[in-house]
Amino acid sequence: MDEQKDFLSEPELSMDEWTKGWTIHVGRAYACSKCGTMVMVTKGGIGTLEPKCCGSDMVLVKMPDEIR
């Protein structure tokens, strides 16, 4: 029998890493690369945010100059 890894004994992420990775940050902006629609996060939370527009994922806007 092959040795199986015990996933409960060795977590991949610490609680801080998990919380940071799943935190929705206020002020982040996303843009649709097809039509130019913009979305900005105005209320934070815990979870995942995968905004979609025109049938595709919206792109995270890192710098204000990227909005155009």
C-alpha atoms as a PDB file:
ATOM      1  CA  MET A   1       0.000   0.000   0.000  1.00  0.00           C
ATOM      2  CA  ASP A   2       1.316   3.441  -0.935  1.00  0.00           C
ATOM      3  CA  GLU A   3       1.983   5.824   1.900  1.00  0.00           C
ATOM      4  CA  GLN A   4      -0.669   8.573   1.926  1.00  0.00           C
ATOM      5  CA  LYS A   5      -0.011  12.095   3.162  1.00  0.00           C
ATOM      6  CA  ASP A   6      -2.069  13.112   6.180  1.00  0.00           C
ATOM      7  CA  PHE A   7      -3.532  16.463   5.096  1.00  0.00           C
ATOM      8  CA  LEU A   8      -4.858  17.245   8.567  1.00  0.00           C
ATOM      9  CA  SER A   9      -1.449  17.155  10.233  1.00  0.00           C
ATOM     10  CA  GLU A  10       0.355  19.587   7.891  1.00  0.00           C
ATOM     11  CA  PRO A  11      -1.689  22.625   6.828  1.00  0.00           C
ATOM     12  CA  GLU A  12      -0.553  24.262   3.592  1.00  0.00           C
ATOM     13  CA  LEU A  13      -1.316  27.765   4.884  1.00  0.00           C
ATOM     14  CA  SER A  14      -1.253  29.362   8.306  1.00  0.00           C
ATOM     15  CA  MET A  15      -4.411  31.096   9.524  1.00  0.00           C
ATOM     16  CA  ASP A  16      -2.865  34.518   8.749  1.00  0.00           C
ATOM     17  CA  GLU A  17      -1.968  33.445   5.190  1.00  0.00           C
ATOM     18  CA  TRP A  18      -5.432  31.996   4.656  1.00  0.00           C
ATOM     19  CA  THR A  19      -7.189  35.122   5.949  1.00  0.00           C
ATOM     20  CA  LYS A  20      -4.973  37.420   3.856  1.00  0.00           C
ATOM     21  CA  GLY A  21      -5.594  35.338   0.734  1.00  0.00           C
ATOM     22  CA  TRP A  22      -9.360  35.316   1.215  1.00  0.00           C
ATOM     23  CA  THR A  23      -9.816  38.963   2.231  1.00  0.00           C
ATOM     24  CA  ILE A  24     -11.673  41.200  -0.202  1.00  0.00           C
ATOM     25  CA  HIS A  25      -9.893  44.572  -0.052  1.00  0.00           C
ATOM     26  CA  VAL A  26     -11.711  47.911  -0.222  1.00  0.00           C
ATOM     27  CA  GLY A  27     -10.429  50.125  -3.031  1.00  0.00           C
ATOM     28  CA  ARG A  28      -9.476  47.397  -5.478  1.00  0.00           C
ATOM     29  CA  ALA A  29     -10.748  48.051  -8.976  1.00  0.00           C
ATOM     30  CA  TYR A  30     -11.492  45.628 -11.785  1.00  0.00           C
ATOM     31  CA  ALA A  31     -12.025  46.364 -15.485  1.00  0.00           C
ATOM     32  CA  CYS A  32     -13.628  44.466 -18.344  1.00  0.00           C
ATOM     33  CA  SER A  33     -11.101  44.086 -21.156  1.00  0.00           C
ATOM     34  CA  LYS A  34     -13.928  43.904 -23.748  1.00  0.00           C
ATOM     35  CA  CYS A  35     -16.302  46.782 -22.901  1.00  0.00           C
ATOM     36  CA  GLY A  36     -14.322  48.826 -20.341  1.00  0.00           C
ATOM     37  CA  THR A  37     -16.835  48.519 -17.483  1.00  0.00           C
ATOM     38  CA  MET A  38     -15.214  49.227 -14.101  1.00  0.00           C
ATOM     39  CA  VAL A  39     -16.047  47.760 -10.683  1.00  0.00           C
ATOM     40  CA  MET A  40     -14.582  48.977  -7.381  1.00  0.00           C
ATOM     41  CA  VAL A  41     -14.800  47.213  -4.022  1.00  0.00           C
ATOM     42  CA  THR A  42     -16.548  49.524  -1.543  1.00  0.00           C
ATOM     43  CA  LYS A  43     -17.131  47.072   1.305  1.00  0.00           C
ATOM     44  CA  GLY A  44     -14.552  44.543   2.437  1.00  0.00           C
ATOM     45  CA  GLY A  45     -15.104  41.033   3.641  1.00  0.00           C
ATOM     46  CA  ILE A  46     -13.850  37.485   3.691  1.00  0.00           C
ATOM     47  CA  GLY A  47     -14.376  35.278   0.662  1.00  0.00           C
ATOM     48  CA  THR A  48     -13.471  35.211  -2.991  1.00  0.00           C
ATOM     49  CA  LEU A  49     -14.243  37.849  -5.577  1.00  0.00           C
ATOM     50  CA  GLU A  50     -14.217  36.801  -9.210  1.00  0.00           C
ATOM     51  CA  PRO A  51     -16.014  39.594 -11.087  1.00  0.00           C
ATOM     52  CA  LYS A  52     -17.128  38.750 -14.614  1.00  0.00           C
ATOM     53  CA  CYS A  53     -18.377  40.879 -17.498  1.00  0.00           C
ATOM     54  CA  CYS A  54     -19.078  40.083 -21.159  1.00  0.00           C
ATOM     55  CA  GLY A  55     -18.653  36.383 -20.348  1.00  0.00           C
ATOM     56  CA  SER A  56     -15.047  36.704 -19.097  1.00  0.00           C
ATOM     57  CA  ASP A  57     -13.149  37.437 -15.911  1.00  0.00           C
ATOM     58  CA  MET A  58     -12.537  41.106 -15.168  1.00  0.00           C
ATOM     59  CA  VAL A  59      -8.909  42.210 -14.768  1.00  0.00           C
ATOM     60  CA  LEU A  60      -7.514  43.711 -11.539  1.00  0.00           C
ATOM     61  CA  VAL A  61      -6.486  47.342 -12.158  1.00  0.00           C
ATOM     62  CA  LYS A  62      -3.159  47.893 -10.400  1.00  0.00           C
ATOM     63  CA  MET A  63      -2.412  51.479 -11.445  1.00  0.00           C
ATOM     64  CA  PRO A  64      -4.852  54.301 -12.323  1.00  0.00           C
ATOM     65  CA  ASP A  65      -3.142  54.708 -15.724  1.00  0.00           C
ATOM     66  CA  GLU A  66      -4.293  51.195 -16.678  1.00  0.00           C
ATOM     67  CA  ILE A  67      -7.954  52.292 -16.659  1.00  0.00           C
ATOM     68  CA  ARG A  68      -7.865  53.599 -20.219  1.00  0.00           C
END
